Amino acid sequence: MSNSEAGQESSGTPRAARRVSRPARPTGWKRLALRAPIHLYRLGLGGLFGKRLLLLEHLGRTSGKTRRVVLEVVSYDRQARTWTLASGFGPGAQWYRNLRSQPRATIQVGRRRCAVIAHFLPAEEGGRIMARYAPKHPKAARQLTAYMGFEVDGTAEGYRQAGENIPFVRLVEQ
């Protein structure tokens, strides 16, 4: 059994997080349920989600059509006017790939809409963000890391290691 299989780095030190599997994209009724908040935003009911969720409107990278997805806000900086998001489906998520192609987008938080530009964060910053997020939202952090296919030991180091493998995007208001 290799060190990585045993949950250890090549140096022999125990790893606080390890990848078990990557989530499959939802289909059928699960996809419909995940897309239901989009319809609530369209009905003017986005305020029900407070500041924890936002509606991201972006352009499809091949179609050029407007695409919409509701995402959880990992952190919001009121002074800098930035929202940080994690890609729960990794770098293959359609919204993530679309923003990579065209980083200008529009978001709606509650009833407020604004133009933003996406900045893709380095792995080290993703680790720091996840380590700060976990103590504030322990249940959501456990669910996100488990959903992303990581076993985390619950320590700040474990969440940091997992966060280094989760793509994070910072949206900056224009």
N, C-alpha and C. Protein backbone atom coordinates (compact mmCIF):
# COMPACT_ATOMS: atom_id res chain seq x y z
N MET A 1 0.86 -1.17 0.00
CA MET A 1 0.00 0.00 0.00
C MET A 1 0.90 1.23 0.00
N SER A 2 0.65 2.17 -0.91
CA SER A 2 1.45 3.38 -0.99
C SER A 2 1.07 4.36 0.12
N ASN A 3 1.93 5.37 0.33
CA ASN A 3 1.63 6.39 1.33
C ASN A 3 0.33 7.10 1.03
N SER A 4 0.08 7.41 -0.25
CA SER A 4 -1.15 8.13 -0.58
C SER A 4 -2.38 7.26 -0.33
N GLU A 5 -2.24 5.96 -0.55
CA GLU A 5 -3.36 5.07 -0.26
C GLU A 5 -3.59 4.95 1.24
N ALA A 6 -2.51 5.08 2.01
CA ALA A 6 -2.61 4.97 3.46
C ALA A 6 -3.01 6.29 4.11
N GLY A 7 -3.23 7.32 3.29
CA GLY A 7 -3.61 8.61 3.84
C GLY A 7 -2.41 9.39 4.34
N GLN A 8 -1.22 9.12 3.76
CA GLN A 8 -0.02 9.83 4.15
C GLN A 8 0.63 10.43 2.93
N GLU A 9 1.33 11.54 3.15
CA GLU A 9 2.11 12.15 2.08
C GLU A 9 3.36 11.31 1.88
N SER A 10 4.12 11.57 0.80
CA SER A 10 5.33 10.81 0.53
C SER A 10 6.37 11.00 1.63
N SER A 11 6.30 12.10 2.40
CA SER A 11 7.24 12.33 3.49
C SER A 11 6.91 11.46 4.71
N GLY A 12 5.78 10.76 4.71
CA GLY A 12 5.40 9.91 5.82
C GLY A 12 4.50 10.60 6.83
N THR A 13 4.26 11.90 6.66
CA THR A 13 3.38 12.60 7.60
C THR A 13 1.93 12.30 7.25
N PRO A 14 1.08 12.13 8.26
CA PRO A 14 -0.33 11.84 8.00
C PRO A 14 -1.01 13.01 7.27
N ARG A 15 -1.89 12.68 6.38
CA ARG A 15 -2.67 13.69 5.67
C ARG A 15 -3.98 13.86 6.40
N ALA A 16 -4.40 15.13 6.54
CA ALA A 16 -5.64 15.43 7.25
C ALA A 16 -6.85 15.38 6.32
N ALA A 17 -6.61 15.33 5.01
CA ALA A 17 -7.69 15.22 4.03
C ALA A 17 -7.19 14.37 2.87
N ARG A 18 -8.05 13.52 2.36
CA ARG A 18 -7.69 12.75 1.17
C ARG A 18 -8.92 12.59 0.29
N ARG A 19 -8.66 12.55 -1.02
CA ARG A 19 -9.75 12.39 -1.98
C ARG A 19 -10.20 10.95 -2.02
N VAL A 20 -11.50 10.77 -1.95
CA VAL A 20 -12.07 9.43 -2.03
C VAL A 20 -12.70 9.24 -3.41
N SER A 21 -13.48 10.23 -3.85
CA SER A 21 -14.14 10.16 -5.16
C SER A 21 -14.56 11.55 -5.58
N ARG A 22 -14.91 11.72 -6.84
CA ARG A 22 -15.42 12.99 -7.36
C ARG A 22 -16.91 12.80 -7.60
N PRO A 23 -17.73 13.82 -7.29
CA PRO A 23 -19.19 13.65 -7.45
C PRO A 23 -19.61 13.56 -8.91
N ALA A 24 -20.65 12.79 -9.15
CA ALA A 24 -21.26 12.74 -10.47
C ALA A 24 -22.20 13.94 -10.61
N ARG A 25 -22.34 14.43 -11.81
CA ARG A 25 -23.25 15.55 -12.03
C ARG A 25 -24.69 15.06 -11.88
N PRO A 26 -25.54 15.87 -11.25
CA PRO A 26 -26.92 15.43 -11.03
C PRO A 26 -27.70 15.34 -12.33
N THR A 27 -28.60 14.39 -12.36
CA THR A 27 -29.49 14.23 -13.51
C THR A 27 -30.91 14.03 -12.98
N GLY A 28 -31.86 14.07 -13.89
CA GLY A 28 -33.25 13.80 -13.53
C GLY A 28 -33.81 14.73 -12.50
N TRP A 29 -34.51 14.16 -11.51
CA TRP A 29 -35.19 14.99 -10.51
C TRP A 29 -34.19 15.75 -9.63
N LYS A 30 -32.98 15.19 -9.41
CA LYS A 30 -31.99 15.90 -8.60
C LYS A 30 -31.55 17.19 -9.30
N ARG A 31 -31.39 17.13 -10.61
CA ARG A 31 -31.02 18.34 -11.36
C ARG A 31 -32.14 19.37 -11.29
N LEU A 32 -33.37 18.91 -11.43
CA LEU A 32 -34.52 19.82 -11.34
C LEU A 32 -34.59 20.49 -9.97
N ALA A 33 -34.35 19.71 -8.92
CA ALA A 33 -34.39 20.27 -7.57
C ALA A 33 -33.29 21.30 -7.36
N LEU A 34 -32.10 21.02 -7.88
CA LEU A 34 -31.00 21.97 -7.74
C LEU A 34 -31.23 23.25 -8.53
N ARG A 35 -32.01 23.17 -9.60
CA ARG A 35 -32.27 24.34 -10.43
C ARG A 35 -33.51 25.13 -9.99
N ALA A 36 -34.27 24.60 -9.03
CA ALA A 36 -35.49 25.28 -8.56
C ALA A 36 -35.23 26.69 -8.05
N PRO A 37 -34.13 26.98 -7.33
CA PRO A 37 -33.92 28.35 -6.87
C PRO A 37 -33.83 29.38 -7.99
N ILE A 38 -33.42 28.96 -9.17
CA ILE A 38 -33.36 29.89 -10.31
C ILE A 38 -34.75 30.45 -10.58
N HIS A 39 -35.75 29.61 -10.51
CA HIS A 39 -37.13 30.04 -10.77
C HIS A 39 -37.62 30.98 -9.68
N LEU A 40 -37.19 30.75 -8.44
CA LEU A 40 -37.57 31.66 -7.36
C LEU A 40 -36.95 33.04 -7.57
N TYR A 41 -35.70 33.09 -8.04
CA TYR A 41 -35.09 34.38 -8.38
C TYR A 41 -35.89 35.07 -9.48
N ARG A 42 -36.27 34.31 -10.50
CA ARG A 42 -37.04 34.88 -11.62
C ARG A 42 -38.38 35.44 -11.17
N LEU A 43 -38.94 34.85 -10.12
CA LEU A 43 -40.22 35.32 -9.57
C LEU A 43 -40.04 36.49 -8.60
N GLY A 44 -38.80 36.95 -8.45
CA GLY A 44 -38.53 38.06 -7.54
C GLY A 44 -38.40 37.65 -6.09
N LEU A 45 -38.19 36.35 -5.84
CA LEU A 45 -38.13 35.84 -4.48
C LEU A 45 -36.70 35.50 -4.03
N GLY A 46 -35.71 36.08 -4.70
CA GLY A 46 -34.32 35.83 -4.34
C GLY A 46 -33.98 36.23 -2.93
N GLY A 47 -34.71 37.20 -2.39
CA GLY A 47 -34.49 37.64 -1.02
C GLY A 47 -34.68 36.54 0.01
N LEU A 48 -35.41 35.49 -0.34
CA LEU A 48 -35.61 34.36 0.57
C LEU A 48 -34.29 33.69 0.95
N PHE A 49 -33.30 33.81 0.09
CA PHE A 49 -32.02 33.13 0.31
C PHE A 49 -31.02 33.99 1.07
N GLY A 50 -31.39 35.22 1.36
CA GLY A 50 -30.47 36.11 2.07
C GLY A 50 -29.20 36.32 1.26
N LYS A 51 -28.08 36.37 1.97
CA LYS A 51 -26.79 36.60 1.31
C LYS A 51 -25.99 35.31 1.16
N ARG A 52 -26.60 34.18 1.52
CA ARG A 52 -25.89 32.89 1.43
C ARG A 52 -25.87 32.32 0.01
N LEU A 53 -26.84 32.72 -0.81
CA LEU A 53 -26.89 32.25 -2.19
C LEU A 53 -26.93 33.45 -3.13
N LEU A 54 -26.45 33.24 -4.35
CA LEU A 54 -26.57 34.27 -5.38
C LEU A 54 -26.91 33.60 -6.70
N LEU A 55 -27.52 34.38 -7.57
CA LEU A 55 -27.81 33.94 -8.93
C LEU A 55 -26.72 34.48 -9.83
N LEU A 56 -26.02 33.61 -10.52
CA LEU A 56 -24.96 34.00 -11.44
C LEU A 56 -25.48 33.87 -12.86
N GLU A 57 -25.45 34.98 -13.61
CA GLU A 57 -25.80 34.97 -15.03
C GLU A 57 -24.51 35.17 -15.81
N HIS A 58 -24.22 34.23 -16.69
CA HIS A 58 -22.97 34.26 -17.44
C HIS A 58 -23.25 33.76 -18.86
N LEU A 59 -22.26 33.90 -19.73
CA LEU A 59 -22.42 33.47 -21.12
C LEU A 59 -21.85 32.08 -21.32
N GLY A 60 -22.60 31.26 -22.07
CA GLY A 60 -22.11 29.94 -22.43
C GLY A 60 -20.88 30.09 -23.33
N ARG A 61 -19.86 29.31 -23.10
CA ARG A 61 -18.60 29.48 -23.83
C ARG A 61 -18.69 29.09 -25.29
N THR A 62 -19.60 28.20 -25.64
CA THR A 62 -19.73 27.84 -27.06
C THR A 62 -21.01 28.41 -27.68
N SER A 63 -22.09 28.45 -26.91
CA SER A 63 -23.37 28.92 -27.46
C SER A 63 -23.47 30.45 -27.44
N GLY A 64 -22.80 31.09 -26.48
CA GLY A 64 -22.94 32.53 -26.32
C GLY A 64 -24.26 32.93 -25.67
N LYS A 65 -25.08 31.94 -25.29
CA LYS A 65 -26.37 32.21 -24.66
C LYS A 65 -26.18 32.50 -23.18
N THR A 66 -27.13 33.26 -22.61
CA THR A 66 -27.10 33.54 -21.17
C THR A 66 -27.45 32.26 -20.41
N ARG A 67 -26.62 31.96 -19.43
CA ARG A 67 -26.82 30.79 -18.58
C ARG A 67 -26.98 31.27 -17.14
N ARG A 68 -27.74 30.53 -16.35
CA ARG A 68 -28.00 30.91 -14.96
C ARG A 68 -27.77 29.73 -14.04
N VAL A 69 -27.20 30.04 -12.87
CA VAL A 69 -26.99 29.02 -11.84
C VAL A 69 -27.03 29.73 -10.49
N VAL A 70 -27.60 29.06 -9.49
CA VAL A 70 -27.61 29.58 -8.12
C VAL A 70 -26.49 28.87 -7.37
N LEU A 71 -25.66 29.66 -6.69
CA LEU A 71 -24.48 29.15 -6.00
C LEU A 71 -24.42 29.66 -4.56
N GLU A 72 -23.79 28.88 -3.71
CA GLU A 72 -23.59 29.31 -2.32
C GLU A 72 -22.42 30.28 -2.25
N VAL A 73 -22.58 31.33 -1.46
CA VAL A 73 -21.51 32.29 -1.23
C VAL A 73 -20.68 31.79 -0.06
N VAL A 74 -19.40 31.55 -0.30
CA VAL A 74 -18.50 31.10 0.75
C VAL A 74 -18.11 32.28 1.64
N SER A 75 -17.84 33.41 1.01
CA SER A 75 -17.55 34.62 1.80
C SER A 75 -17.93 35.85 0.98
N TYR A 76 -18.28 36.89 1.72
CA TYR A 76 -18.65 38.18 1.11
C TYR A 76 -17.88 39.26 1.85
N ASP A 77 -17.23 40.13 1.10
CA ASP A 77 -16.51 41.27 1.67
C ASP A 77 -17.23 42.53 1.24
N ARG A 78 -17.96 43.13 2.18
CA ARG A 78 -18.78 44.31 1.89
C ARG A 78 -17.91 45.49 1.42
N GLN A 79 -16.78 45.72 2.07
CA GLN A 79 -15.93 46.86 1.72
C GLN A 79 -15.33 46.70 0.33
N ALA A 80 -14.80 45.52 0.04
CA ALA A 80 -14.18 45.28 -1.27
C ALA A 80 -15.21 44.95 -2.34
N ARG A 81 -16.45 44.71 -1.93
CA ARG A 81 -17.54 44.32 -2.83
C ARG A 81 -17.15 43.09 -3.65
N THR A 82 -16.82 42.01 -2.91
CA THR A 82 -16.46 40.74 -3.54
C THR A 82 -17.24 39.59 -2.94
N TRP A 83 -17.50 38.60 -3.76
CA TRP A 83 -18.17 37.36 -3.35
C TRP A 83 -17.25 36.22 -3.74
N THR A 84 -17.01 35.29 -2.83
CA THR A 84 -16.17 34.14 -3.12
C THR A 84 -17.04 32.90 -3.19
N LEU A 85 -16.82 32.10 -4.24
CA LEU A 85 -17.60 30.89 -4.51
C LEU A 85 -16.68 29.70 -4.63
N ALA A 86 -17.18 28.52 -4.29
CA ALA A 86 -16.46 27.27 -4.49
C ALA A 86 -17.19 26.47 -5.55
N SER A 87 -16.44 25.83 -6.43
CA SER A 87 -17.07 25.00 -7.46
C SER A 87 -17.24 23.58 -6.91
N GLY A 88 -18.45 23.28 -6.45
CA GLY A 88 -18.75 21.98 -5.87
C GLY A 88 -18.56 20.81 -6.82
N PHE A 89 -18.59 21.07 -8.12
CA PHE A 89 -18.37 20.00 -9.10
C PHE A 89 -16.98 20.08 -9.70
N GLY A 90 -16.10 20.85 -9.05
CA GLY A 90 -14.72 20.94 -9.51
C GLY A 90 -14.57 21.82 -10.74
N PRO A 91 -13.41 21.74 -11.39
CA PRO A 91 -13.13 22.61 -12.54
C PRO A 91 -13.94 22.25 -13.78
N GLY A 92 -14.65 21.13 -13.75
CA GLY A 92 -15.47 20.73 -14.89
C GLY A 92 -16.88 21.30 -14.85
N ALA A 93 -17.25 22.00 -13.78
CA ALA A 93 -18.59 22.59 -13.69
C ALA A 93 -18.79 23.57 -14.85
N GLN A 94 -19.96 23.52 -15.44
CA GLN A 94 -20.21 24.36 -16.62
C GLN A 94 -20.06 25.84 -16.31
N TRP A 95 -20.59 26.31 -15.17
CA TRP A 95 -20.47 27.73 -14.85
C TRP A 95 -19.02 28.14 -14.69
N TYR A 96 -18.22 27.26 -14.11
CA TYR A 96 -16.80 27.54 -13.89
C TYR A 96 -16.07 27.63 -15.24
N ARG A 97 -16.34 26.68 -16.11
CA ARG A 97 -15.71 26.67 -17.44
C ARG A 97 -16.15 27.88 -18.25
N ASN A 98 -17.43 28.25 -18.12
CA ASN A 98 -17.93 29.42 -18.84
C ASN A 98 -17.25 30.70 -18.36
N LEU A 99 -17.09 30.84 -17.04
CA LEU A 99 -16.41 32.04 -16.51
C LEU A 99 -14.94 32.06 -16.91
N ARG A 100 -14.33 30.91 -17.02
CA ARG A 100 -12.94 30.85 -17.49
C ARG A 100 -12.84 31.43 -18.89
N SER A 101 -13.85 31.14 -19.71
CA SER A 101 -13.88 31.62 -21.08
C SER A 101 -14.25 33.10 -21.17
N GLN A 102 -15.23 33.52 -20.36
CA GLN A 102 -15.71 34.91 -20.35
C GLN A 102 -15.95 35.31 -18.90
N PRO A 103 -14.96 35.98 -18.27
CA PRO A 103 -15.08 36.26 -16.83
C PRO A 103 -16.07 37.36 -16.45
N ARG A 104 -16.60 38.09 -17.39
CA ARG A 104 -17.60 39.11 -17.05
C ARG A 104 -18.97 38.47 -16.93
N ALA A 105 -19.69 38.84 -15.86
CA ALA A 105 -20.99 38.23 -15.60
C ALA A 105 -21.84 39.21 -14.79
N THR A 106 -23.05 38.76 -14.47
CA THR A 106 -23.96 39.54 -13.62
C THR A 106 -24.40 38.62 -12.50
N ILE A 107 -24.52 39.19 -11.30
CA ILE A 107 -25.05 38.41 -10.18
C ILE A 107 -26.27 39.12 -9.62
N GLN A 108 -27.08 38.34 -8.94
CA GLN A 108 -28.21 38.87 -8.20
C GLN A 108 -28.15 38.27 -6.80
N VAL A 109 -28.09 39.15 -5.81
CA VAL A 109 -28.11 38.73 -4.41
C VAL A 109 -29.35 39.39 -3.82
N GLY A 110 -30.32 38.57 -3.42
CA GLY A 110 -31.61 39.12 -3.01
C GLY A 110 -32.27 39.76 -4.23
N ARG A 111 -32.58 41.04 -4.14
CA ARG A 111 -33.15 41.76 -5.28
C ARG A 111 -32.12 42.63 -6.00
N ARG A 112 -30.91 42.67 -5.44
CA ARG A 112 -29.85 43.52 -5.98
C ARG A 112 -29.09 42.80 -7.09
N ARG A 113 -28.92 43.49 -8.23
CA ARG A 113 -28.16 42.96 -9.36
C ARG A 113 -26.93 43.83 -9.58
N CYS A 114 -25.82 43.22 -9.99
CA CYS A 114 -24.63 44.00 -10.31
C CYS A 114 -23.73 43.22 -11.26
N ALA A 115 -22.93 43.97 -12.00
CA ALA A 115 -21.95 43.39 -12.91
C ALA A 115 -20.71 43.01 -12.11
N VAL A 116 -20.11 41.87 -12.46
CA VAL A 116 -18.92 41.40 -11.77
C VAL A 116 -17.91 40.86 -12.78
N ILE A 117 -16.69 40.72 -12.33
CA ILE A 117 -15.67 40.03 -13.11
C ILE A 117 -15.08 38.94 -12.23
N ALA A 118 -14.87 37.76 -12.81
CA ALA A 118 -14.39 36.60 -12.07
C ALA A 118 -12.87 36.55 -12.03
N HIS A 119 -12.34 36.27 -10.84
CA HIS A 119 -10.91 36.05 -10.64
C HIS A 119 -10.76 34.65 -10.05
N PHE A 120 -9.91 33.84 -10.66
CA PHE A 120 -9.73 32.46 -10.24
C PHE A 120 -8.57 32.40 -9.25
N LEU A 121 -8.84 31.83 -8.09
CA LEU A 121 -7.89 31.89 -6.98
C LEU A 121 -6.91 30.73 -7.00
N PRO A 122 -5.67 30.99 -6.58
CA PRO A 122 -4.68 29.91 -6.52
C PRO A 122 -5.05 28.91 -5.41
N ALA A 123 -4.50 27.72 -5.52
CA ALA A 123 -4.81 26.63 -4.58
C ALA A 123 -4.52 27.02 -3.13
N GLU A 124 -3.42 27.72 -2.90
CA GLU A 124 -3.06 28.09 -1.53
C GLU A 124 -4.13 28.99 -0.93
N GLU A 125 -4.65 29.92 -1.71
CA GLU A 125 -5.70 30.80 -1.19
C GLU A 125 -6.98 30.03 -0.95
N GLY A 126 -7.28 29.08 -1.83
CA GLY A 126 -8.44 28.21 -1.62
C GLY A 126 -8.33 27.46 -0.31
N GLY A 127 -7.13 27.00 0.03
CA GLY A 127 -6.92 26.32 1.30
C GLY A 127 -7.18 27.23 2.48
N ARG A 128 -6.70 28.47 2.40
CA ARG A 128 -6.91 29.42 3.50
C ARG A 128 -8.40 29.75 3.64
N ILE A 129 -9.08 29.92 2.51
CA ILE A 129 -10.51 30.24 2.54
C ILE A 129 -11.29 29.11 3.21
N MET A 130 -10.99 27.87 2.81
CA MET A 130 -11.72 26.73 3.37
C MET A 130 -11.44 26.57 4.86
N ALA A 131 -10.19 26.82 5.27
CA ALA A 131 -9.85 26.72 6.70
C ALA A 131 -10.60 27.77 7.52
N ARG A 132 -10.86 28.96 6.95
CA ARG A 132 -11.64 29.99 7.66
C ARG A 132 -13.14 29.69 7.60
N TYR A 133 -13.60 29.11 6.51
CA TYR A 133 -15.03 28.83 6.30
C TYR A 133 -15.52 27.73 7.25
N ALA A 134 -14.72 26.69 7.42
CA ALA A 134 -15.16 25.51 8.18
C ALA A 134 -15.62 25.81 9.60
N PRO A 135 -14.89 26.61 10.40
CA PRO A 135 -15.38 26.87 11.76
C PRO A 135 -16.66 27.72 11.79
N LYS A 136 -16.86 28.55 10.78
CA LYS A 136 -18.06 29.39 10.73
C LYS A 136 -19.28 28.60 10.28
N HIS A 137 -19.07 27.64 9.39
CA HIS A 137 -20.17 26.85 8.81
C HIS A 137 -19.77 25.37 8.83
N PRO A 138 -19.66 24.76 10.02
CA PRO A 138 -19.12 23.39 10.10
C PRO A 138 -19.92 22.35 9.32
N LYS A 139 -21.24 22.44 9.39
CA LYS A 139 -22.07 21.46 8.68
C LYS A 139 -21.90 21.60 7.17
N ALA A 140 -21.96 22.84 6.66
CA ALA A 140 -21.80 23.07 5.23
C ALA A 140 -20.40 22.66 4.76
N ALA A 141 -19.37 22.93 5.57
CA ALA A 141 -18.00 22.55 5.21
C ALA A 141 -17.87 21.03 5.11
N ARG A 142 -18.45 20.32 6.08
CA ARG A 142 -18.41 18.84 6.04
C ARG A 142 -19.12 18.33 4.79
N GLN A 143 -20.30 18.92 4.50
CA GLN A 143 -21.06 18.47 3.35
C GLN A 143 -20.33 18.77 2.04
N LEU A 144 -19.75 19.98 1.92
CA LEU A 144 -19.04 20.34 0.69
C LEU A 144 -17.85 19.42 0.46
N THR A 145 -17.03 19.21 1.50
CA THR A 145 -15.86 18.37 1.30
C THR A 145 -16.25 16.92 1.03
N ALA A 146 -17.27 16.42 1.72
CA ALA A 146 -17.73 15.05 1.46
C ALA A 146 -18.28 14.95 0.04
N TYR A 147 -19.06 15.96 -0.37
CA TYR A 147 -19.64 15.95 -1.70
C TYR A 147 -18.55 15.99 -2.77
N MET A 148 -17.48 16.74 -2.48
CA MET A 148 -16.36 16.83 -3.42
C MET A 148 -15.50 15.58 -3.39
N GLY A 149 -15.82 14.65 -2.49
CA GLY A 149 -15.10 13.39 -2.45
C GLY A 149 -13.89 13.38 -1.55
N PHE A 150 -13.87 14.24 -0.52
CA PHE A 150 -12.74 14.28 0.41
C PHE A 150 -13.15 13.73 1.76
N GLU A 151 -12.27 12.96 2.36
CA GLU A 151 -12.39 12.58 3.76
C GLU A 151 -11.54 13.58 4.52
N VAL A 152 -12.16 14.33 5.43
CA VAL A 152 -11.45 15.36 6.19
C VAL A 152 -11.55 14.99 7.67
N ASP A 153 -10.46 15.16 8.39
CA ASP A 153 -10.45 14.80 9.81
C ASP A 153 -11.07 15.86 10.72
N GLY A 154 -11.56 16.96 10.16
CA GLY A 154 -12.23 18.00 10.94
C GLY A 154 -11.31 19.08 11.46
N THR A 155 -10.02 18.97 11.22
CA THR A 155 -9.07 20.00 11.68
C THR A 155 -8.96 21.11 10.64
N ALA A 156 -8.44 22.25 11.07
CA ALA A 156 -8.19 23.36 10.14
C ALA A 156 -7.25 22.91 9.03
N GLU A 157 -6.24 22.09 9.38
CA GLU A 157 -5.30 21.58 8.39
C GLU A 157 -6.01 20.68 7.37
N GLY A 158 -6.93 19.87 7.84
CA GLY A 158 -7.69 19.02 6.93
C GLY A 158 -8.50 19.83 5.94
N TYR A 159 -9.18 20.85 6.44
CA TYR A 159 -9.96 21.71 5.55
C TYR A 159 -9.06 22.51 4.61
N ARG A 160 -7.89 22.91 5.11
CA ARG A 160 -6.95 23.63 4.25
C ARG A 160 -6.51 22.72 3.10
N GLN A 161 -6.17 21.47 3.42
CA GLN A 161 -5.74 20.55 2.37
C GLN A 161 -6.85 20.30 1.35
N ALA A 162 -8.07 20.12 1.83
CA ALA A 162 -9.19 19.91 0.90
C ALA A 162 -9.40 21.16 0.06
N GLY A 163 -9.36 22.34 0.71
CA GLY A 163 -9.58 23.61 0.00
C GLY A 163 -8.58 23.86 -1.11
N GLU A 164 -7.37 23.32 -0.95
CA GLU A 164 -6.37 23.48 -2.01
C GLU A 164 -6.74 22.70 -3.26
N ASN A 165 -7.70 21.79 -3.15
CA ASN A 165 -8.13 20.97 -4.28
C ASN A 165 -9.53 21.32 -4.77
N ILE A 166 -10.12 22.35 -4.21
CA ILE A 166 -11.44 22.82 -4.63
C ILE A 166 -11.25 24.14 -5.36
N PRO A 167 -11.77 24.29 -6.57
CA PRO A 167 -11.61 25.56 -7.28
C PRO A 167 -12.46 26.66 -6.65
N PHE A 168 -11.82 27.79 -6.34
CA PHE A 168 -12.51 28.95 -5.79
C PHE A 168 -12.44 30.10 -6.78
N VAL A 169 -13.53 30.87 -6.83
CA VAL A 169 -13.63 32.02 -7.73
C VAL A 169 -14.06 33.23 -6.89
N ARG A 170 -13.40 34.35 -7.11
CA ARG A 170 -13.81 35.59 -6.44
C ARG A 170 -14.44 36.49 -7.49
N LEU A 171 -15.68 36.91 -7.23
CA LEU A 171 -16.40 37.82 -8.11
C LEU A 171 -16.23 39.23 -7.55
N VAL A 172 -15.74 40.14 -8.39
CA VAL A 172 -15.49 41.51 -7.98
C VAL A 172 -16.47 42.41 -8.70
N GLU A 173 -17.22 43.21 -7.92
CA GLU A 173 -18.21 44.12 -8.50
C GLU A 173 -17.52 45.16 -9.38
N GLN A 174 -18.11 45.43 -10.52
CA GLN A 174 -17.57 46.43 -11.46
C GLN A 174 -18.24 47.77 -11.29
